[in-house]
Amino acid sequence: HLVLARTFYRSIPSQARLEYRLAMAQQFAEGFENEAPRLVSDFDEAMELVPDNSQGPNALEFLARKLGDRLPATRVMLDEELLRRAPRSEGALTRLAHDVLLDLRQDAPWCHDRRACEARGQELATRLRDLSPNTCEGYAIAAELRAAAGSPKDAIHDLEEASARVDDRTDCLMRLVQLMDATGQTSEIDATIDRVANAGCVSPGECVEQFAFAARTLVERGKPRRAVAFYRKAVDRAPDNDDLLLEYARLASELELHAETLHAYTRLSELHPEVPEYAKRVAEEKDNLVRLRFGPGVGGGVP
């Protein structure tokens, strides 16, 4: 069936979709992933790829994720069909709840009855929580919906309580910081950022993500000096991460923190000796540190 699908791919797309569906009905076919979605321009064509057997929900979930950016209206209908076939689909529940949230935030015309929209979103979020009571996503969506409906303080209280119960506590605290910032309820945001950074982690990658989140959020909140300290912690755990090192170097340089800037560019120069700019910045920052220590007129290319 995959051979036939590829044979008809350009000449008879409808026949190709049929062959992909037949292949998918037997198992998740290798060619389905990258080839079949290119043959879809609307919901009806997408459904031509979906088998009626137990593989149908798998195909719907894949197509919904693959087509979401290019065909958002088609993706919504695919998710609704997915929920009809598999009511416990976490992917469909999450995406549809986010759709309602976006509609509320953007005052979408089809969401003129805001109470009805919020009720629909909360129903989806409740189903998601029931499926994964130890995961933050359902609680976070519910809180964000409540905030969008005009109750930001209650929303923050709800998410604060949920963050103490879920397994992915750090992710929940990140969502809490974002909700505080978005709603202007920022009296406790700095303390919550610290909680994110100090939440503990099971891998270096998680630690890096937490420190980088704290740093970026503090920069956005106009507190760059505190952010530098978190960037330093992040690069200490990920010394080969070019993006983090560059962010750290840029911010430290803007603040004229020469020791921090030297630390960042020294590591970048070690990683990329082929980039002369990094070596140049190392020499400049060494000179800056000598001038600060011994006064003006001293320096000039300290090795």
C-alpha atoms as a PDB file:
ATOM      1  CA  HIS A   1       0.000   0.000   0.000  1.00  0.00           C
ATOM      2  CA  LEU A   2       2.875   2.388   0.687  1.00  0.00           C
ATOM      3  CA  VAL A   3       4.356   1.601  -2.735  1.00  0.00           C
ATOM      4  CA  LEU A   4       0.995   2.344  -4.353  1.00  0.00           C
ATOM      5  CA  ALA A   5       0.574   5.535  -2.323  1.00  0.00           C
ATOM      6  CA  ARG A   6       3.933   6.802  -3.518  1.00  0.00           C
ATOM      7  CA  THR A   7       3.092   5.790  -7.099  1.00  0.00           C
ATOM      8  CA  PHE A   8      -0.127   7.845  -7.090  1.00  0.00           C
ATOM      9  CA  TYR A   9       1.280  10.641  -4.912  1.00  0.00           C
ATOM     10  CA  ARG A  10       1.444  13.291  -7.662  1.00  0.00           C
ATOM     11  CA  SER A  11      -0.874  11.921 -10.320  1.00  0.00           C
ATOM     12  CA  ILE A  12      -3.931  10.853  -8.253  1.00  0.00           C
ATOM     13  CA  PRO A  13      -3.727  12.312  -4.712  1.00  0.00           C
ATOM     14  CA  SER A  14      -7.113  10.893  -3.678  1.00  0.00           C
ATOM     15  CA  GLN A  15      -5.954   7.371  -4.546  1.00  0.00           C
ATOM     16  CA  ALA A  16      -2.716   8.000  -2.679  1.00  0.00           C
ATOM     17  CA  ARG A  17      -4.692   9.024   0.421  1.00  0.00           C
ATOM     18  CA  LEU A  18      -6.690   5.799   0.173  1.00  0.00           C
ATOM     19  CA  GLU A  19      -3.503   3.732   0.014  1.00  0.00           C
ATOM     20  CA  TYR A  20      -2.000   5.560   2.988  1.00  0.00           C
ATOM     21  CA  ARG A  21      -5.184   4.884   4.959  1.00  0.00           C
ATOM     22  CA  LEU A  22      -5.048   1.175   4.109  1.00  0.00           C
ATOM     23  CA  ALA A  23      -1.418   1.052   5.194  1.00  0.00           C
ATOM     24  CA  MET A  24      -2.247   2.921   8.393  1.00  0.00           C
ATOM     25  CA  ALA A  25      -5.103   0.518   9.145  1.00  0.00           C
ATOM     26  CA  GLN A  26      -2.564  -2.299   9.461  1.00  0.00           C
ATOM     27  CA  GLN A  27       0.025  -0.406  11.511  1.00  0.00           C
ATOM     28  CA  PHE A  28       1.458   3.099  11.930  1.00  0.00           C
ATOM     29  CA  ALA A  29       3.158   3.166   8.548  1.00  0.00           C
ATOM     30  CA  GLU A  30       6.573   4.761   8.210  1.00  0.00           C
ATOM     31  CA  GLY A  31       5.588   6.780   5.143  1.00  0.00           C
ATOM     32  CA  PHE A  32       2.475   8.148   6.811  1.00  0.00           C
ATOM     33  CA  GLU A  33       4.402  10.488   9.053  1.00  0.00           C
ATOM     34  CA  ASN A  34       6.145  12.753   6.537  1.00  0.00           C
ATOM     35  CA  GLU A  35       4.350  12.036   3.270  1.00  0.00           C
ATOM     36  CA  ALA A  36       0.618  11.752   3.877  1.00  0.00           C
ATOM     37  CA  PRO A  37      -0.016  15.154   5.578  1.00  0.00           C
ATOM     38  CA  ARG A  38       1.267  16.952   2.474  1.00  0.00           C
ATOM     39  CA  LEU A  39      -1.753  15.617   0.595  1.00  0.00           C
ATOM     40  CA  VAL A  40      -4.188  17.370   2.944  1.00  0.00           C
ATOM     41  CA  SER A  41      -5.741  20.781   2.307  1.00  0.00           C
ATOM     42  CA  ASP A  42      -8.973  20.462   4.333  1.00  0.00           C
ATOM     43  CA  PHE A  43     -10.836  18.303   6.844  1.00  0.00           C
ATOM     44  CA  ASP A  44     -12.416  16.001   4.274  1.00  0.00           C
ATOM     45  CA  GLU A  45      -9.045  15.163   2.746  1.00  0.00           C
ATOM     46  CA  ALA A  46      -7.610  14.576   6.208  1.00  0.00           C
ATOM     47  CA  MET A  47     -10.398  12.123   7.008  1.00  0.00           C
ATOM     48  CA  GLU A  48      -9.575  10.174   3.850  1.00  0.00           C
ATOM     49  CA  LEU A  49      -6.361   9.210   5.652  1.00  0.00           C
ATOM     50  CA  VAL A  50      -8.055   7.996   8.839  1.00  0.00           C
ATOM     51  CA  PRO A  51      -8.951   4.281   9.117  1.00  0.00           C
ATOM     52  CA  ASP A  52     -12.111   3.155  10.909  1.00  0.00           C
ATOM     53  CA  ASN A  53     -10.382   0.545  13.048  1.00  0.00           C
ATOM     54  CA  SER A  54      -8.374   0.873  16.261  1.00  0.00           C
ATOM     55  CA  GLN A  55      -5.654   2.793  14.410  1.00  0.00           C
ATOM     56  CA  GLY A  56      -8.073   5.654  13.714  1.00  0.00           C
ATOM     57  CA  PRO A  57      -7.398   7.588  16.948  1.00  0.00           C
ATOM     58  CA  ASN A  58      -3.637   7.283  16.389  1.00  0.00           C
ATOM     59  CA  ALA A  59      -4.007   8.746  12.906  1.00  0.00           C
ATOM     60  CA  LEU A  60      -6.255  11.567  14.164  1.00  0.00           C
ATOM     61  CA  GLU A  61      -3.821  12.472  16.958  1.00  0.00           C
ATOM     62  CA  PHE A  62      -0.899  12.511  14.556  1.00  0.00           C
ATOM     63  CA  LEU A  63      -2.723  14.582  11.918  1.00  0.00           C
ATOM     64  CA  ALA A  64      -3.994  17.060  14.500  1.00  0.00           C
ATOM     65  CA  ARG A  65      -0.433  17.717  15.699  1.00  0.00           C
ATOM     66  CA  LYS A  66       1.034  17.765  12.210  1.00  0.00           C
ATOM     67  CA  LEU A  67      -1.566  20.044  10.590  1.00  0.00           C
ATOM     68  CA  GLY A  68      -2.215  22.436  13.478  1.00  0.00           C
ATOM     69  CA  ASP A  69      -0.049  25.313  12.283  1.00  0.00           C
ATOM     70  CA  ARG A  70      -0.985  25.074   8.604  1.00  0.00           C
ATOM     71  CA  LEU A  71      -4.696  24.225   8.901  1.00  0.00           C
ATOM     72  CA  PRO A  72      -5.930  25.341  12.339  1.00  0.00           C
ATOM     73  CA  ALA A  73      -9.654  24.985  11.544  1.00  0.00           C
ATOM     74  CA  THR A  74      -9.060  21.472  10.205  1.00  0.00           C
ATOM     75  CA  ARG A  75      -7.115  20.646  13.350  1.00  0.00           C
ATOM     76  CA  VAL A  76     -10.055  21.672  15.548  1.00  0.00           C
ATOM     77  CA  MET A  77     -12.410  19.373  13.632  1.00  0.00           C
ATOM     78  CA  LEU A  78      -9.893  16.533  13.811  1.00  0.00           C
ATOM     79  CA  ASP A  79      -9.675  16.949  17.582  1.00  0.00           C
ATOM     80  CA  GLU A  80     -13.451  16.951  17.895  1.00  0.00           C
ATOM     81  CA  GLU A  81     -13.570  13.736  15.875  1.00  0.00           C
ATOM     82  CA  LEU A  82     -10.799  12.304  18.023  1.00  0.00           C
ATOM     83  CA  LEU A  83     -12.785  13.008  21.193  1.00  0.00           C
ATOM     84  CA  ARG A  84     -15.822  11.357  19.635  1.00  0.00           C
ATOM     85  CA  ARG A  85     -13.808   8.187  19.007  1.00  0.00           C
ATOM     86  CA  ALA A  86     -11.543   8.364  22.058  1.00  0.00           C
ATOM     87  CA  PRO A  87     -13.105  10.520  24.809  1.00  0.00           C
ATOM     88  CA  ARG A  88     -10.020  10.073  27.002  1.00  0.00           C
ATOM     89  CA  SER A  89      -7.603  11.614  24.511  1.00  0.00           C
ATOM     90  CA  GLU A  90      -5.391  13.984  26.508  1.00  0.00           C
ATOM     91  CA  GLY A  91      -3.975  15.570  23.364  1.00  0.00           C
ATOM     92  CA  ALA A  92      -7.374  16.578  22.003  1.00  0.00           C
ATOM     93  CA  LEU A  93      -8.616  17.796  25.389  1.00  0.00           C
ATOM     94  CA  THR A  94      -5.507  19.938  25.877  1.00  0.00           C
ATOM     95  CA  ARG A  95      -5.594  21.495  22.413  1.00  0.00           C
ATOM     96  CA  LEU A  96      -9.323  22.241  22.487  1.00  0.00           C
ATOM     97  CA  ALA A  97      -9.082  23.778  25.974  1.00  0.00           C
ATOM     98  CA  HIS A  98      -6.244  26.001  24.765  1.00  0.00           C
ATOM     99  CA  ASP A  99      -8.444  27.023  21.825  1.00  0.00           C
ATOM    100  CA  VAL A 100     -11.136  28.248  24.231  1.00  0.00           C
ATOM    101  CA  LEU A 101      -8.535  30.107  26.283  1.00  0.00           C
ATOM    102  CA  LEU A 102      -7.214  31.863  23.186  1.00  0.00           C
ATOM    103  CA  ASP A 103     -10.758  32.751  22.123  1.00  0.00           C
ATOM    104  CA  LEU A 104     -11.416  34.365  25.502  1.00  0.00           C
ATOM    105  CA  ARG A 105      -8.152  36.290  25.455  1.00  0.00           C
ATOM    106  CA  GLN A 106      -8.705  37.575  21.923  1.00  0.00           C
ATOM    107  CA  ASP A 107     -12.444  38.268  22.294  1.00  0.00           C
ATOM    108  CA  ALA A 108     -13.208  35.991  19.361  1.00  0.00           C
ATOM    109  CA  PRO A 109     -16.601  36.866  17.803  1.00  0.00           C
ATOM    110  CA  TRP A 110     -17.808  33.268  18.065  1.00  0.00           C
ATOM    111  CA  CYS A 111     -17.117  33.520  21.802  1.00  0.00           C
ATOM    112  CA  HIS A 112     -19.429  36.491  22.421  1.00  0.00           C
ATOM    113  CA  ASP A 113     -21.088  34.544  25.237  1.00  0.00           C
ATOM    114  CA  ARG A 114     -18.015  34.513  27.438  1.00  0.00           C
ATOM    115  CA  ARG A 115     -19.666  32.535  30.215  1.00  0.00           C
ATOM    116  CA  ALA A 116     -20.541  29.749  27.809  1.00  0.00           C
ATOM    117  CA  CYS A 117     -17.013  29.758  26.426  1.00  0.00           C
ATOM    118  CA  GLU A 118     -15.475  29.586  29.879  1.00  0.00           C
ATOM    119  CA  ALA A 119     -17.847  26.773  30.860  1.00  0.00           C
ATOM    120  CA  ARG A 120     -16.805  24.810  27.777  1.00  0.00           C
ATOM    121  CA  GLY A 121     -13.129  25.357  28.550  1.00  0.00           C
ATOM    122  CA  GLN A 122     -13.556  24.402  32.199  1.00  0.00           C
ATOM    123  CA  GLU A 123     -15.402  21.235  31.189  1.00  0.00           C
ATOM    124  CA  LEU A 124     -12.451  20.244  28.991  1.00  0.00           C
ATOM    125  CA  ALA A 125      -9.947  21.154  31.720  1.00  0.00           C
ATOM    126  CA  THR A 126     -11.902  19.107  34.281  1.00  0.00           C
ATOM    127  CA  ARG A 127     -11.838  16.076  32.016  1.00  0.00           C
ATOM    128  CA  LEU A 128      -8.096  16.557  31.586  1.00  0.00           C
ATOM    129  CA  ARG A 129      -7.572  16.789  35.360  1.00  0.00           C
ATOM    130  CA  ASP A 130      -9.633  13.660  35.899  1.00  0.00           C
ATOM    131  CA  LEU A 131      -7.428  11.788  33.441  1.00  0.00           C
ATOM    132  CA  SER A 132      -4.146  13.075  34.903  1.00  0.00           C
ATOM    133  CA  PRO A 133      -4.775  14.298  38.462  1.00  0.00           C
ATOM    134  CA  ASN A 134      -1.050  14.395  39.259  1.00  0.00           C
ATOM    135  CA  THR A 135      -0.131  16.518  36.229  1.00  0.00           C
ATOM    136  CA  CYS A 136      -0.247  20.318  36.166  1.00  0.00           C
ATOM    137  CA  GLU A 137      -1.707  20.893  32.695  1.00  0.00           C
ATOM    138  CA  GLY A 138      -5.393  20.544  33.569  1.00  0.00           C
ATOM    139  CA  TYR A 139      -5.074  22.735  36.658  1.00  0.00           C
ATOM    140  CA  ALA A 140      -3.053  25.351  34.768  1.00  0.00           C
ATOM    141  CA  ILE A 141      -5.564  25.603  31.928  1.00  0.00           C
ATOM    142  CA  ALA A 142      -8.431  25.874  34.404  1.00  0.00           C
ATOM    143  CA  ALA A 143      -6.639  28.693  36.246  1.00  0.00           C
ATOM    144  CA  GLU A 144      -5.782  30.518  33.025  1.00  0.00           C
ATOM    145  CA  LEU A 145      -9.422  30.259  31.917  1.00  0.00           C
ATOM    146  CA  ARG A 146     -10.568  31.674  35.242  1.00  0.00           C
ATOM    147  CA  ALA A 147      -8.141  34.571  34.913  1.00  0.00           C
ATOM    148  CA  ALA A 148      -9.292  35.278  31.346  1.00  0.00           C
ATOM    149  CA  ALA A 149     -12.875  35.321  32.635  1.00  0.00           C
ATOM    150  CA  GLY A 150     -12.005  38.091  35.092  1.00  0.00           C
ATOM    151  CA  SER A 151     -10.949  36.388  38.323  1.00  0.00           C
ATOM    152  CA  PRO A 152      -7.130  36.597  38.365  1.00  0.00           C
ATOM    153  CA  LYS A 153      -6.684  36.431  42.147  1.00  0.00           C
ATOM    154  CA  ASP A 154      -8.801  33.292  42.419  1.00  0.00           C
ATOM    155  CA  ALA A 155      -6.948  31.807  39.443  1.00  0.00           C
ATOM    156  CA  ILE A 156      -3.562  32.373  41.064  1.00  0.00           C
ATOM    157  CA  HIS A 157      -4.815  30.897  44.342  1.00  0.00           C
ATOM    158  CA  ASP A 158      -6.070  27.796  42.528  1.00  0.00           C
ATOM    159  CA  LEU A 159      -2.813  27.239  40.662  1.00  0.00           C
ATOM    160  CA  GLU A 160      -0.753  27.890  43.793  1.00  0.00           C
ATOM    161  CA  GLU A 161      -2.652  25.129  45.573  1.00  0.00           C
ATOM    162  CA  ALA A 162      -2.356  22.763  42.612  1.00  0.00           C
ATOM    163  CA  SER A 163       1.420  23.239  42.408  1.00  0.00           C
ATOM    164  CA  ALA A 164       1.751  21.636  45.840  1.00  0.00           C
ATOM    165  CA  ARG A 165      -0.104  18.489  44.736  1.00  0.00           C
ATOM    166  CA  VAL A 166       1.195  17.606  41.285  1.00  0.00           C
ATOM    167  CA  ASP A 167       4.241  15.595  40.329  1.00  0.00           C
ATOM    168  CA  ASP A 168       5.512  18.185  37.822  1.00  0.00           C
ATOM    169  CA  ARG A 169       5.665  20.893  40.480  1.00  0.00           C
ATOM    170  CA  THR A 170       8.367  22.938  38.797  1.00  0.00           C
ATOM    171  CA  ASP A 171       6.389  23.187  35.564  1.00  0.00           C
ATOM    172  CA  CYS A 172       3.385  24.292  37.611  1.00  0.00           C
ATOM    173  CA  LEU A 173       5.411  26.998  39.336  1.00  0.00           C
ATOM    174  CA  MET A 174       6.613  28.246  35.934  1.00  0.00           C
ATOM    175  CA  ARG A 175       3.001  28.467  34.768  1.00  0.00           C
ATOM    176  CA  LEU A 176       2.180  30.294  38.001  1.00  0.00           C
ATOM    177  CA  VAL A 177       4.905  32.881  37.338  1.00  0.00           C
ATOM    178  CA  GLN A 178       3.590  33.408  33.814  1.00  0.00           C
ATOM    179  CA  LEU A 179       0.029  33.775  35.089  1.00  0.00           C
ATOM    180  CA  MET A 180       1.091  36.303  37.731  1.00  0.00           C
ATOM    181  CA  ASP A 181       2.943  38.318  35.122  1.00  0.00           C
ATOM    182  CA  ALA A 182       0.105  38.184  32.575  1.00  0.00           C
ATOM    183  CA  THR A 183      -2.523  39.286  35.096  1.00  0.00           C
ATOM    184  CA  GLY A 184      -0.470  41.930  36.891  1.00  0.00           C
ATOM    185  CA  GLN A 185      -0.742  40.082  40.204  1.00  0.00           C
ATOM    186  CA  THR A 186       2.986  40.396  40.857  1.00  0.00           C
ATOM    187  CA  SER A 187       3.289  40.922  44.620  1.00  0.00           C
ATOM    188  CA  GLU A 188       4.651  37.383  45.061  1.00  0.00           C
ATOM    189  CA  ILE A 189       6.227  36.864  41.656  1.00  0.00           C
ATOM    190  CA  ASP A 190       9.865  37.322  42.676  1.00  0.00           C
ATOM    191  CA  ALA A 191       9.469  34.806  45.493  1.00  0.00           C
ATOM    192  CA  THR A 192       7.848  32.382  43.058  1.00  0.00           C
ATOM    193  CA  ILE A 193      10.701  32.820  40.579  1.00  0.00           C
ATOM    194  CA  ASP A 194      13.098  31.879  43.383  1.00  0.00           C
ATOM    195  CA  ARG A 195      10.950  28.820  44.103  1.00  0.00           C
ATOM    196  CA  VAL A 196      11.299  27.768  40.470  1.00  0.00           C
ATOM    197  CA  ALA A 197      15.077  28.147  40.563  1.00  0.00           C
ATOM    198  CA  ASN A 198      15.398  26.302  43.878  1.00  0.00           C
ATOM    199  CA  ALA A 199      12.774  23.621  43.286  1.00  0.00           C
ATOM    200  CA  GLY A 200      15.345  20.879  42.842  1.00  0.00           C
ATOM    201  CA  CYS A 201      15.889  18.812  39.730  1.00  0.00           C
ATOM    202  CA  VAL A 202      16.644  15.230  38.775  1.00  0.00           C
ATOM    203  CA  SER A 203      18.937  15.989  35.829  1.00  0.00           C
ATOM    204  CA  PRO A 204      21.351  18.740  34.741  1.00  0.00           C
ATOM    205  CA  GLY A 205      19.002  19.581  31.877  1.00  0.00           C
ATOM    206  CA  GLU A 206      16.146  20.287  34.270  1.00  0.00           C
ATOM    207  CA  CYS A 207      18.389  22.469  36.423  1.00  0.00           C
ATOM    208  CA  VAL A 208      19.478  24.450  33.383  1.00  0.00           C
ATOM    209  CA  GLU A 209      15.876  24.944  32.265  1.00  0.00           C
ATOM    210  CA  GLN A 210      14.863  26.228  35.694  1.00  0.00           C
ATOM    211  CA  PHE A 211      17.771  28.659  36.025  1.00  0.00           C
ATOM    212  CA  ALA A 212      17.337  29.920  32.458  1.00  0.00           C
ATOM    213  CA  PHE A 213      13.610  30.452  33.014  1.00  0.00           C
ATOM    214  CA  ALA A 214      14.332  32.441  36.170  1.00  0.00           C
ATOM    215  CA  ALA A 215      16.967  34.526  34.372  1.00  0.00           C
ATOM    216  CA  ARG A 216      14.812  35.335  31.343  1.00  0.00           C
ATOM    217  CA  THR A 217      11.826  36.218  33.508  1.00  0.00           C
ATOM    218  CA  LEU A 218      13.899  38.555  35.664  1.00  0.00           C
ATOM    219  CA  VAL A 219      15.273  40.286  32.551  1.00  0.00           C
ATOM    220  CA  GLU A 220      11.721  40.817  31.299  1.00  0.00           C
ATOM    221  CA  ARG A 221      10.817  42.256  34.695  1.00  0.00           C
ATOM    222  CA  GLY A 222      13.679  44.753  34.568  1.00  0.00           C
ATOM    223  CA  LYS A 223      15.930  43.034  37.095  1.00  0.00           C
ATOM    224  CA  PRO A 224      18.966  42.124  34.986  1.00  0.00           C
ATOM    225  CA  ARG A 225      21.509  41.971  37.820  1.00  0.00           C
ATOM    226  CA  ARG A 226      19.592  39.207  39.559  1.00  0.00           C
ATOM    227  CA  ALA A 227      19.237  37.505  36.200  1.00  0.00           C
ATOM    228  CA  VAL A 228      23.013  37.349  35.695  1.00  0.00           C
ATOM    229  CA  ALA A 229      23.385  35.181  38.797  1.00  0.00           C
ATOM    230  CA  PHE A 230      20.907  32.657  37.424  1.00  0.00           C
ATOM    231  CA  TYR A 231      22.544  32.663  33.996  1.00  0.00           C
ATOM    232  CA  ARG A 232      25.856  31.897  35.743  1.00  0.00           C
ATOM    233  CA  LYS A 233      24.255  28.913  37.485  1.00  0.00           C
ATOM    234  CA  ALA A 234      22.778  27.734  34.199  1.00  0.00           C
ATOM    235  CA  VAL A 235      26.056  27.883  32.253  1.00  0.00           C
ATOM    236  CA  ASP A 236      27.924  26.212  35.103  1.00  0.00           C
ATOM    237  CA  ARG A 237      25.669  23.201  34.505  1.00  0.00           C
ATOM    238  CA  ALA A 238      25.669  23.504  30.725  1.00  0.00           C
ATOM    239  CA  PRO A 239      29.139  24.860  29.849  1.00  0.00           C
ATOM    240  CA  ASP A 240      28.793  23.834  26.194  1.00  0.00           C
ATOM    241  CA  ASN A 241      25.477  25.595  25.535  1.00  0.00           C
ATOM    242  CA  ASP A 242      26.296  28.375  23.084  1.00  0.00           C
ATOM    243  CA  ASP A 243      22.906  30.075  23.333  1.00  0.00           C
ATOM    244  CA  LEU A 244      23.054  30.339  27.114  1.00  0.00           C
ATOM    245  CA  LEU A 245      26.659  31.519  27.079  1.00  0.00           C
ATOM    246  CA  LEU A 246      25.840  34.243  24.557  1.00  0.00           C
ATOM    247  CA  GLU A 247      22.820  35.439  26.575  1.00  0.00           C
ATOM    248  CA  TYR A 248      24.964  35.455  29.713  1.00  0.00           C
ATOM    249  CA  ALA A 249      27.800  37.314  27.957  1.00  0.00           C
ATOM    250  CA  ARG A 250      25.489  39.907  26.404  1.00  0.00           C
ATOM    251  CA  LEU A 251      23.719  40.699  29.658  1.00  0.00           C
ATOM    252  CA  ALA A 252      26.894  40.809  31.738  1.00  0.00           C
ATOM    253  CA  SER A 253      28.505  43.096  29.166  1.00  0.00           C
ATOM    254  CA  GLU A 254      25.524  45.468  29.167  1.00  0.00           C
ATOM    255  CA  LEU A 255      25.797  45.716  32.954  1.00  0.00           C
ATOM    256  CA  GLU A 256      29.594  46.183  32.759  1.00  0.00           C
ATOM    257  CA  LEU A 257      30.144  43.141  34.950  1.00  0.00           C
ATOM    258  CA  HIS A 258      33.582  42.472  33.559  1.00  0.00           C
ATOM    259  CA  ALA A 259      34.427  39.333  35.534  1.00  0.00           C
ATOM    260  CA  GLU A 260      31.183  37.696  34.452  1.00  0.00           C
ATOM    261  CA  THR A 261      31.671  38.822  30.864  1.00  0.00           C
ATOM    262  CA  LEU A 262      35.223  37.455  30.871  1.00  0.00           C
ATOM    263  CA  HIS A 263      33.981  34.124  32.220  1.00  0.00           C
ATOM    264  CA  ALA A 264      31.426  33.826  29.415  1.00  0.00           C
ATOM    265  CA  TYR A 265      33.726  34.824  26.558  1.00  0.00           C
ATOM    266  CA  THR A 266      36.576  32.666  27.846  1.00  0.00           C
ATOM    267  CA  ARG A 267      34.339  29.629  27.606  1.00  0.00           C
ATOM    268  CA  LEU A 268      33.035  30.666  24.172  1.00  0.00           C
ATOM    269  CA  SER A 269      36.610  31.159  22.973  1.00  0.00           C
ATOM    270  CA  GLU A 270      37.538  27.680  24.226  1.00  0.00           C
ATOM    271  CA  LEU A 271      34.556  26.161  22.422  1.00  0.00           C
ATOM    272  CA  HIS A 272      35.081  28.160  19.219  1.00  0.00           C
ATOM    273  CA  PRO A 273      38.736  29.081  18.696  1.00  0.00           C
ATOM    274  CA  GLU A 274      37.870  29.751  15.045  1.00  0.00           C
ATOM    275  CA  VAL A 275      35.828  32.830  16.061  1.00  0.00           C
ATOM    276  CA  PRO A 276      38.285  35.725  16.558  1.00  0.00           C
ATOM    277  CA  GLU A 277      35.639  37.962  18.112  1.00  0.00           C
ATOM    278  CA  TYR A 278      35.524  35.792  21.227  1.00  0.00           C
ATOM    279  CA  ALA A 279      39.277  35.937  21.766  1.00  0.00           C
ATOM    280  CA  LYS A 280      39.153  39.693  21.212  1.00  0.00           C
ATOM    281  CA  ARG A 281      36.481  40.083  23.881  1.00  0.00           C
ATOM    282  CA  VAL A 282      38.553  37.989  26.303  1.00  0.00           C
ATOM    283  CA  ALA A 283      41.511  40.348  25.878  1.00  0.00           C
ATOM    284  CA  GLU A 284      39.283  43.418  26.265  1.00  0.00           C
ATOM    285  CA  GLU A 285      37.692  42.153  29.460  1.00  0.00           C
ATOM    286  CA  LYS A 286      41.078  41.288  30.947  1.00  0.00           C
ATOM    287  CA  ASP A 287      42.154  44.864  30.231  1.00  0.00           C
ATOM    288  CA  ASN A 288      38.973  46.185  31.827  1.00  0.00           C
ATOM    289  CA  LEU A 289      39.601  44.192  34.986  1.00  0.00           C
ATOM    290  CA  VAL A 290      43.210  45.419  35.207  1.00  0.00           C
ATOM    291  CA  ARG A 291      42.050  49.050  34.851  1.00  0.00           C
ATOM    292  CA  LEU A 292      39.455  48.583  37.552  1.00  0.00           C
ATOM    293  CA  ARG A 293      42.064  47.131  39.881  1.00  0.00           C
ATOM    294  CA  PHE A 294      44.996  49.433  39.234  1.00  0.00           C
ATOM    295  CA  GLY A 295      43.393  52.556  37.850  1.00  0.00           C
ATOM    296  CA  PRO A 296      43.256  54.269  34.436  1.00  0.00           C
ATOM    297  CA  GLY A 297      46.169  54.135  32.060  1.00  0.00           C
ATOM    298  CA  VAL A 298      47.055  50.569  32.882  1.00  0.00           C
ATOM    299  CA  GLY A 299      46.426  47.630  30.551  1.00  0.00           C
ATOM    300  CA  GLY A 300      47.001  47.329  26.888  1.00  0.00           C
ATOM    301  CA  GLY A 301      46.711  43.734  25.927  1.00  0.00           C
ATOM    302  CA  VAL A 302      47.207  41.828  29.134  1.00  0.00           C
ATOM    303  CA  PRO A 303      47.857  38.197  28.227  1.00  0.00           C
END
